Amino acid sequence: MKRLAQLGIAGGVTLATLTYALWGVDLSALWHTLRGGNLWVLPPFLAVLAVFFASNAQRWAWMLRPFGRFPVRALMPSMMIGFAANNVLPLRVGELIRAYLLARDAGLSRSGVLMNLALERLLDLIGILAIYAAALALLPEAPAGFRLSAWVAAAAVLGLSALLAAFVIMPQRIDAIWQWSSARLPAALRERGSIYLGQFERGLSAMRAPASAALLIGYSIGRWLLAVVLAWLAVYAYAGPIAIPLAMATIGITAFAVALPSAPGFVGPMQAAFVFALTPFGVDREAALAASLLFLLGHWLPVTAVGALFLARRHLSFRELAARAEAEPGAPAEPGEPVA
């Protein structure tokens, strides 16, 4: 029943965002725009995309240092299978698959990998918010609502950075807060939370040296600047060159839109985000929608193909792998569970 409700919400979000993106679009003009695109952008788009995912694997290798040393080539299969699964399966089950595969292949604790991915999401959030706030600061002609959201983003960056610093600098205080706040919870739930918290703090040891923390945060921002280049190329194909800060704002809005529950591959939220971000700055609706389709397919096709190739070596389908991962949904490791 819960899964049906989640699927219903995802379907509703997809329908609502597609309706917004397509509202008032001249379909014949859209087709003409799509046919007239400058598709020479595809080679550089795919090259930047490859660097984007390689950089993600490199950052993951650094973040996993507290659990073991893993070369990038050892992380690529589970990472790409997980991203590909998000493209073909609902409810972002690819994140669970990615954690399941690495934990099984490398002998890591499942809770440790899941908490490491939670840290990855937190670093991504800080990077995206920083880029979005900087973008709006560089777009003085932005509507008032956009400028207000930039202040909110800047405040969120400071808040999340302070929270991350608190976990890094005073883990004992965080542990004490958890023990106090969870005192009324059932013992099993309290113990599970303690294990997850311990694994999260263990992963954060990679950031306890100031130089390592600066590297990971800077790398996260740089990784999302690569996504800005991808957005710029997608828009260039149908609307010509746009200001880099506008591409930055587009990526910021898109990143938050695709976090919504939706159909596999983020169909709907991605189209709505491009239309919402670009049309106030003079890009016509058809060009914005065409750019979103190039951005979507430019990711979906190569990522899904690479993930499927890695998965074929395991003689499993995406659905079979999802069933296995969900049957073992990241239950926290016992204190003696082996780690690399």
Protein backbone atom coordinates (compact mmCIF):
# COMPACT_ATOMS: atom_id res chain seq x y z
CA MET A 1 0.00 0.00 0.00
CA LYS A 2 2.82 2.38 0.87
CA ARG A 3 4.54 1.65 -2.44
CA LEU A 4 1.33 2.29 -4.35
CA ALA A 5 0.98 5.63 -2.57
CA GLN A 6 4.58 6.53 -3.46
CA LEU A 7 4.01 5.58 -7.10
CA GLY A 8 0.80 7.62 -7.13
CA ILE A 9 2.63 10.67 -5.80
CA ALA A 10 5.42 10.21 -8.36
CA GLY A 11 2.86 9.93 -11.16
CA GLY A 12 1.04 13.03 -9.95
CA VAL A 13 4.28 15.06 -9.81
CA THR A 14 5.22 13.91 -13.31
CA LEU A 15 1.83 14.84 -14.70
CA ALA A 16 1.78 18.23 -12.97
CA THR A 17 5.30 19.22 -14.04
CA LEU A 18 4.77 18.06 -17.64
CA THR A 19 1.52 20.03 -17.77
CA TYR A 20 3.37 23.15 -16.59
CA ALA A 21 6.23 22.62 -19.06
CA LEU A 22 3.91 22.04 -22.03
CA TRP A 23 1.35 24.70 -21.17
CA GLY A 24 1.05 27.12 -24.07
CA VAL A 25 3.73 25.38 -26.14
CA ASP A 26 3.20 25.44 -29.89
CA LEU A 27 3.90 21.81 -30.79
CA SER A 28 4.65 22.58 -34.43
CA ALA A 29 7.10 25.29 -33.32
CA LEU A 30 8.63 22.84 -30.83
CA TRP A 31 9.14 20.29 -33.60
CA HIS A 32 10.71 22.94 -35.83
CA THR A 33 13.00 23.98 -32.95
CA LEU A 34 14.05 20.39 -32.29
CA ARG A 35 14.81 19.79 -35.98
CA GLY A 36 16.86 22.98 -36.20
CA GLY A 37 19.09 22.33 -33.20
CA ASN A 38 22.87 22.69 -33.42
CA LEU A 39 23.66 19.08 -32.59
CA TRP A 40 27.39 19.62 -32.98
CA VAL A 41 27.21 20.22 -29.23
CA LEU A 42 26.79 16.47 -28.68
CA PRO A 43 30.51 15.50 -28.81
CA PRO A 44 31.57 18.10 -26.19
CA PHE A 45 28.41 17.33 -24.19
CA LEU A 46 29.30 13.63 -23.99
CA ALA A 47 32.94 14.42 -23.19
CA VAL A 48 31.97 16.69 -20.28
CA LEU A 49 29.42 14.10 -19.14
CA ALA A 50 32.16 11.45 -18.98
CA VAL A 51 34.33 13.77 -16.87
CA PHE A 52 31.31 14.53 -14.64
CA PHE A 53 30.79 10.86 -13.77
CA ALA A 54 34.51 10.11 -13.50
CA SER A 55 34.84 13.00 -11.04
CA ASN A 56 31.93 11.61 -9.04
CA ALA A 57 33.70 8.24 -8.77
CA GLN A 58 36.94 9.95 -7.75
CA ARG A 59 35.18 11.93 -5.03
CA TRP A 60 33.48 8.74 -3.82
CA ALA A 61 36.87 7.03 -3.58
CA TRP A 62 38.14 9.86 -1.38
CA MET A 63 35.03 9.78 0.78
CA LEU A 64 35.38 6.02 1.31
CA ARG A 65 38.93 6.32 2.67
CA PRO A 66 37.77 5.70 6.28
CA PHE A 67 36.36 2.34 5.11
CA GLY A 68 39.17 1.30 2.77
CA ARG A 69 41.06 2.32 -0.36
CA PHE A 70 39.19 1.72 -3.58
CA PRO A 71 40.41 2.60 -7.07
CA VAL A 72 37.99 4.50 -9.26
CA ARG A 73 37.65 1.54 -11.63
CA ALA A 74 36.37 -0.59 -8.73
CA LEU A 75 33.64 1.95 -7.91
CA MET A 76 32.46 2.63 -11.45
CA PRO A 77 30.29 -0.50 -11.90
CA SER A 78 28.13 -0.04 -8.79
CA MET A 79 27.92 3.71 -9.34
CA MET A 80 26.87 3.51 -12.99
CA ILE A 81 24.43 0.65 -12.36
CA GLY A 82 22.83 2.74 -9.62
CA PHE A 83 22.50 5.83 -11.82
CA ALA A 84 21.15 3.72 -14.69
CA ALA A 85 18.60 2.13 -12.36
CA ASN A 86 17.32 5.60 -11.46
CA ASN A 87 16.70 6.08 -15.18
CA VAL A 88 14.55 2.99 -15.63
CA LEU A 89 13.03 2.27 -12.21
CA PRO A 90 10.74 4.43 -10.06
CA LEU A 91 11.32 5.93 -6.60
CA ARG A 92 15.11 6.44 -7.00
CA VAL A 93 15.79 2.83 -6.10
CA GLY A 94 19.16 3.23 -7.82
CA GLU A 95 20.61 4.76 -4.66
CA LEU A 96 19.74 1.63 -2.71
CA ILE A 97 21.12 -0.57 -5.50
CA ARG A 98 24.38 1.36 -5.53
CA ALA A 99 24.84 0.89 -1.78
CA TYR A 100 23.85 -2.78 -1.95
CA LEU A 101 26.31 -3.57 -4.74
CA LEU A 102 29.32 -1.87 -3.19
CA ALA A 103 28.63 -3.35 0.25
CA ARG A 104 28.35 -6.84 -1.25
CA ASP A 105 31.28 -6.57 -3.65
CA ALA A 106 33.72 -4.91 -1.24
CA GLY A 107 32.63 -6.54 2.01
CA LEU A 108 31.67 -3.20 3.53
CA SER A 109 28.93 -2.65 6.08
CA ARG A 110 25.65 -1.75 4.41
CA SER A 111 24.94 1.00 6.91
CA GLY A 112 28.41 2.44 6.29
CA VAL A 113 27.86 2.72 2.54
CA LEU A 114 24.37 4.19 2.99
CA MET A 115 25.66 6.84 5.39
CA ASN A 116 28.53 7.56 3.02
CA LEU A 117 25.98 8.22 0.28
CA ALA A 118 24.08 10.46 2.69
CA LEU A 119 27.28 12.49 3.15
CA GLU A 120 27.67 12.61 -0.63
CA ARG A 121 24.15 14.03 -0.96
CA LEU A 122 24.92 16.63 1.72
CA LEU A 123 28.07 17.76 -0.09
CA ASP A 124 26.12 17.91 -3.35
CA LEU A 125 23.45 20.02 -1.69
CA ILE A 126 26.02 22.48 -0.40
CA GLY A 127 27.64 22.66 -3.85
CA ILE A 128 24.34 23.18 -5.67
CA LEU A 129 23.13 25.83 -3.24
CA ALA A 130 26.44 27.71 -3.46
CA ILE A 131 26.29 27.72 -7.27
CA TYR A 132 22.66 28.85 -7.27
CA ALA A 133 23.28 31.68 -4.79
CA ALA A 134 26.31 32.85 -6.80
CA ALA A 135 24.29 32.69 -10.02
CA LEU A 136 21.55 34.97 -8.73
CA ALA A 137 24.14 37.39 -7.35
CA LEU A 138 25.50 37.66 -10.90
CA LEU A 139 22.06 38.13 -12.49
CA PRO A 140 20.93 41.61 -11.42
CA GLU A 141 17.99 41.47 -13.85
CA ALA A 142 16.56 38.38 -12.13
CA PRO A 143 12.93 38.63 -10.96
CA ALA A 144 12.36 39.48 -7.29
CA GLY A 145 11.29 35.92 -6.46
CA PHE A 146 14.57 34.56 -7.83
CA ARG A 147 16.60 37.06 -5.82
CA LEU A 148 14.75 36.11 -2.64
CA SER A 149 15.44 32.43 -3.29
CA ALA A 150 19.14 33.28 -3.64
CA TRP A 151 19.16 34.67 -0.08
CA VAL A 152 17.44 31.52 1.10
CA ALA A 153 20.05 29.41 -0.72
CA ALA A 154 22.91 31.39 0.82
CA ALA A 155 21.43 30.95 4.29
CA ALA A 156 21.00 27.23 3.62
CA VAL A 157 24.65 26.91 2.58
CA LEU A 158 25.75 28.52 5.84
CA GLY A 159 23.37 26.37 7.88
CA LEU A 160 24.35 23.09 6.23
CA SER A 161 28.04 23.96 6.45
CA ALA A 162 27.65 24.71 10.16
CA LEU A 163 25.83 21.40 10.67
CA LEU A 164 28.54 19.51 8.82
CA ALA A 165 31.22 21.28 10.86
CA ALA A 166 29.43 20.33 14.08
CA PHE A 167 29.46 16.65 13.12
CA VAL A 168 33.15 16.88 12.19
CA ILE A 169 34.37 18.91 15.18
CA MET A 170 32.29 17.63 18.08
CA PRO A 171 30.97 14.13 17.37
CA GLN A 172 30.71 13.36 21.10
CA ARG A 173 28.28 16.25 21.58
CA ILE A 174 26.19 15.03 18.63
CA ASP A 175 26.15 11.54 20.13
CA ALA A 176 24.99 12.96 23.45
CA ILE A 177 22.21 14.91 21.74
CA TRP A 178 21.06 11.74 19.99
CA GLN A 179 21.05 9.73 23.21
CA TRP A 180 19.01 12.44 24.94
CA SER A 181 16.54 12.99 22.09
CA SER A 182 16.03 9.27 21.43
CA ALA A 183 15.49 8.27 25.07
CA ARG A 184 11.76 7.69 24.52
CA LEU A 185 12.19 5.66 21.33
CA PRO A 186 12.02 1.84 21.32
CA ALA A 187 15.38 0.30 22.18
CA ALA A 188 15.79 -1.36 18.77
CA LEU A 189 15.15 1.91 16.93
CA ARG A 190 17.46 3.81 19.24
CA GLU A 191 20.22 1.25 18.67
CA ARG A 192 19.73 1.35 14.92
CA GLY A 193 19.97 5.13 14.95
CA SER A 194 23.16 4.95 16.99
CA ILE A 195 24.73 2.56 14.47
CA TYR A 196 23.81 4.78 11.53
CA LEU A 197 25.08 7.85 13.35
CA GLY A 198 28.34 6.08 14.16
CA GLN A 199 28.81 5.09 10.52
CA PHE A 200 28.06 8.64 9.37
CA GLU A 201 30.63 10.02 11.81
CA ARG A 202 33.13 7.41 10.68
CA GLY A 203 32.71 8.53 7.10
CA LEU A 204 33.20 12.14 8.18
CA SER A 205 36.69 11.33 9.41
CA ALA A 206 37.72 11.89 5.79
CA MET A 207 36.93 15.57 6.40
CA ARG A 208 38.58 16.06 9.78
CA ALA A 209 41.74 17.47 8.20
CA PRO A 210 40.97 21.02 6.96
CA ALA A 211 42.75 20.37 3.67
CA SER A 212 40.67 17.24 3.02
CA ALA A 213 37.43 19.06 3.90
CA ALA A 214 38.29 21.94 1.57
CA LEU A 215 39.17 19.45 -1.19
CA LEU A 216 35.87 17.57 -0.92
CA ILE A 217 33.75 20.72 -0.76
CA GLY A 218 35.66 22.37 -3.60
CA TYR A 219 35.47 19.19 -5.65
CA SER A 220 31.70 19.03 -5.08
CA ILE A 221 31.26 22.59 -6.31
CA GLY A 222 33.53 21.91 -9.29
CA ARG A 223 31.59 18.79 -10.17
CA TRP A 224 28.36 20.78 -10.38
CA LEU A 225 30.09 23.43 -12.47
CA LEU A 226 30.59 20.65 -15.02
CA ALA A 227 26.81 20.19 -14.96
CA VAL A 228 26.52 23.94 -15.64
CA VAL A 229 28.58 23.42 -18.81
CA LEU A 230 26.20 20.63 -19.84
CA ALA A 231 23.18 22.90 -19.34
CA TRP A 232 24.88 25.72 -21.28
CA LEU A 233 25.57 23.38 -24.21
CA ALA A 234 21.99 22.07 -24.19
CA VAL A 235 20.55 25.59 -24.29
CA TYR A 236 23.08 26.73 -26.89
CA ALA A 237 21.85 24.02 -29.25
CA TYR A 238 18.40 25.66 -29.50
CA ALA A 239 18.64 29.24 -28.21
CA GLY A 240 22.24 30.28 -28.82
CA PRO A 241 24.67 31.36 -26.11
CA ILE A 242 23.32 32.38 -22.72
CA ALA A 243 25.05 33.95 -19.73
CA ILE A 244 26.96 31.45 -17.61
CA PRO A 245 25.15 32.64 -14.43
CA LEU A 246 21.84 31.76 -16.12
CA ALA A 247 23.12 28.25 -16.82
CA MET A 248 24.18 28.08 -13.16
CA ALA A 249 20.70 29.08 -12.01
CA THR A 250 19.15 26.53 -14.39
CA ILE A 251 21.23 23.73 -12.89
CA GLY A 252 20.33 24.83 -9.37
CA ILE A 253 16.61 24.78 -10.12
CA THR A 254 16.89 21.50 -12.04
CA ALA A 255 18.76 19.79 -9.21
CA PHE A 256 15.96 20.58 -6.77
CA ALA A 257 13.24 19.70 -9.27
CA VAL A 258 14.63 16.22 -9.93
CA ALA A 259 14.72 15.56 -6.19
CA LEU A 260 10.92 15.40 -6.35
CA PRO A 261 9.34 11.94 -6.70
CA SER A 262 8.64 11.42 -10.38
CA ALA A 263 8.75 8.99 -13.27
CA PRO A 264 12.05 7.18 -13.96
CA GLY A 265 14.62 9.38 -15.63
CA PHE A 266 13.15 12.53 -14.00
CA VAL A 267 10.78 13.12 -16.90
CA GLY A 268 8.58 16.09 -16.06
CA PRO A 269 10.52 17.88 -13.30
CA MET A 270 13.51 18.39 -15.60
CA GLN A 271 11.35 19.92 -18.35
CA ALA A 272 9.52 22.14 -15.88
CA ALA A 273 12.80 23.31 -14.33
CA PHE A 274 14.30 24.41 -17.66
CA VAL A 275 11.12 26.25 -18.65
CA PHE A 276 10.80 27.88 -15.21
CA ALA A 277 14.46 28.97 -15.11
CA LEU A 278 14.95 30.16 -18.67
CA THR A 279 11.75 31.81 -19.83
CA PRO A 280 11.95 34.82 -17.45
CA PHE A 281 15.27 35.68 -19.14
CA GLY A 282 13.97 35.79 -22.70
CA VAL A 283 14.40 32.18 -23.83
CA ASP A 284 11.19 31.11 -25.53
CA ARG A 285 9.26 28.19 -24.11
CA GLU A 286 9.85 25.90 -27.09
CA ALA A 287 13.64 26.44 -26.97
CA ALA A 288 13.72 25.86 -23.20
CA LEU A 289 11.72 22.66 -23.58
CA ALA A 290 13.92 21.46 -26.45
CA ALA A 291 17.04 22.15 -24.38
CA SER A 292 15.59 20.14 -21.50
CA LEU A 293 14.96 17.19 -23.83
CA LEU A 294 18.54 17.27 -25.09
CA PHE A 295 19.83 17.53 -21.52
CA LEU A 296 17.61 14.61 -20.47
CA LEU A 297 18.37 12.29 -23.40
CA GLY A 298 22.04 13.28 -23.40
CA HIS A 299 22.22 11.87 -19.88
CA TRP A 300 19.67 9.07 -20.10
CA LEU A 301 20.97 7.21 -23.14
CA PRO A 302 24.71 6.96 -22.35
CA VAL A 303 24.27 6.49 -18.59
CA THR A 304 21.66 3.78 -19.03
CA ALA A 305 23.73 2.05 -21.71
CA VAL A 306 26.90 2.02 -19.57
CA GLY A 307 25.01 0.87 -16.48
CA ALA A 308 23.29 -1.88 -18.47
CA LEU A 309 26.66 -3.11 -19.80
CA PHE A 310 28.06 -3.36 -16.27
CA LEU A 311 24.89 -5.10 -15.13
CA ALA A 312 24.97 -7.61 -18.01
CA ARG A 313 28.17 -9.04 -16.53
CA ARG A 314 26.19 -9.99 -13.44
CA HIS A 315 23.50 -11.77 -15.46
CA LEU A 316 20.73 -9.82 -13.72
CA SER A 317 18.03 -7.40 -14.81
CA PHE A 318 17.47 -4.04 -13.15
CA ARG A 319 14.25 -5.32 -11.57
CA GLU A 320 15.93 -8.46 -10.20
CA LEU A 321 18.71 -6.37 -8.71
CA ALA A 322 16.21 -3.93 -7.22
CA ALA A 323 14.33 -6.82 -5.61
CA ARG A 324 17.55 -8.09 -4.03
CA ALA A 325 18.53 -4.66 -2.78
CA GLU A 326 15.07 -3.98 -1.35
CA ALA A 327 15.00 -7.39 0.34
CA GLU A 328 18.12 -6.30 2.20
CA PRO A 329 17.28 -2.62 2.67
CA GLY A 330 20.44 -1.37 4.26
CA ALA A 331 19.83 -2.83 7.68
CA PRO A 332 22.52 -1.45 9.95
CA ALA A 333 25.57 -3.58 10.39
CA GLU A 334 26.21 -5.28 13.65
CA PRO A 335 29.29 -3.97 15.47
CA GLY A 336 31.28 -6.99 14.31
CA GLU A 337 30.18 -6.90 10.68
CA PRO A 338 33.28 -6.88 8.44
CA VAL A 339 34.44 -3.73 6.72
CA ALA A 340 37.28 -3.25 4.26
